[in-house]
Protein backbone atom coordinates (compact mmCIF):
# COMPACT_ATOMS: atom_id res chain seq x y z
CA UNK A 1 14.41 100.14 18.45
CA UNK A 2 10.64 99.73 18.16
CA UNK A 3 9.31 97.08 15.81
CA UNK A 4 5.75 97.50 14.67
CA UNK A 5 4.33 94.15 13.55
CA UNK A 6 1.43 94.83 11.24
CA UNK A 7 -0.68 92.22 9.56
CA UNK A 8 0.21 91.89 5.91
CA UNK A 9 -1.99 89.07 4.63
CA UNK A 10 -5.41 89.64 3.17
CA UNK A 11 -8.28 87.22 3.41
CA UNK A 12 -7.54 85.67 0.00
CA UNK A 13 -3.92 85.03 1.01
CA UNK A 14 -5.08 83.37 4.20
CA UNK A 15 -7.51 81.14 2.32
CA UNK A 16 -4.85 80.13 -0.23
CA UNK A 17 -2.35 79.28 2.52
CA UNK A 18 -4.97 77.20 4.34
CA UNK A 19 -5.87 75.31 1.16
CA UNK A 20 -2.19 74.64 0.42
CA UNK A 21 -1.72 73.32 3.95
CA UNK A 22 -4.75 71.06 3.64
CA UNK A 23 -3.62 69.71 0.27
CA UNK A 24 -0.17 68.90 1.63
CA UNK A 25 -1.62 67.16 4.68
CA UNK A 26 -3.91 65.22 2.34
CA UNK A 27 -0.93 64.05 0.26
CA UNK A 28 0.77 62.81 3.41
CA UNK A 29 -2.34 61.04 4.68
CA UNK A 30 -2.85 59.36 1.30
CA UNK A 31 0.81 58.28 1.44
CA UNK A 32 1.69 60.06 -1.79
CA UNK A 33 4.54 61.63 0.18
CA UNK A 34 6.47 59.33 2.48
CA UNK A 35 9.65 59.29 4.52
CA UNK A 36 11.62 62.49 4.88
CA UNK A 37 9.45 64.17 2.24
CA UNK A 38 6.39 63.60 4.39
CA UNK A 39 8.12 65.12 7.41
CA UNK A 40 9.21 68.16 5.42
CA UNK A 41 5.74 68.49 3.88
CA UNK A 42 4.06 68.43 7.29
CA UNK A 43 6.46 71.08 8.58
CA UNK A 44 5.73 73.23 5.55
CA UNK A 45 1.98 72.73 6.02
CA UNK A 46 2.24 73.76 9.69
CA UNK A 47 4.04 76.94 8.65
CA UNK A 48 1.29 77.66 6.13
CA UNK A 49 -1.39 77.17 8.79
CA UNK A 50 0.48 79.40 11.25
CA UNK A 51 0.86 82.17 8.69
CA UNK A 52 -2.82 81.92 7.77
CA UNK A 53 -3.85 81.93 11.43
CA UNK A 54 -1.75 84.90 12.53
CA UNK A 55 -1.73 86.74 9.16
CA UNK A 56 1.86 87.87 9.52
C-alpha cells in the first residue's frame, strides 16, 4: 500500500495555527493557566506549531 502524504494546509491555516500556539504559550507564561492545564496547553501548542511547520 502506497500512502501519498500531500500538504493540506494553506498559508492562512498555518498563520492561524501559529497564532493559536503563541496565544496559548502566552497564557502559560503569564500564569493564567497553571498545573495540569498548563502542561496540556503546552502540548496542544506544540502540536499547533508542528502542524503549522509541516503543513500536514
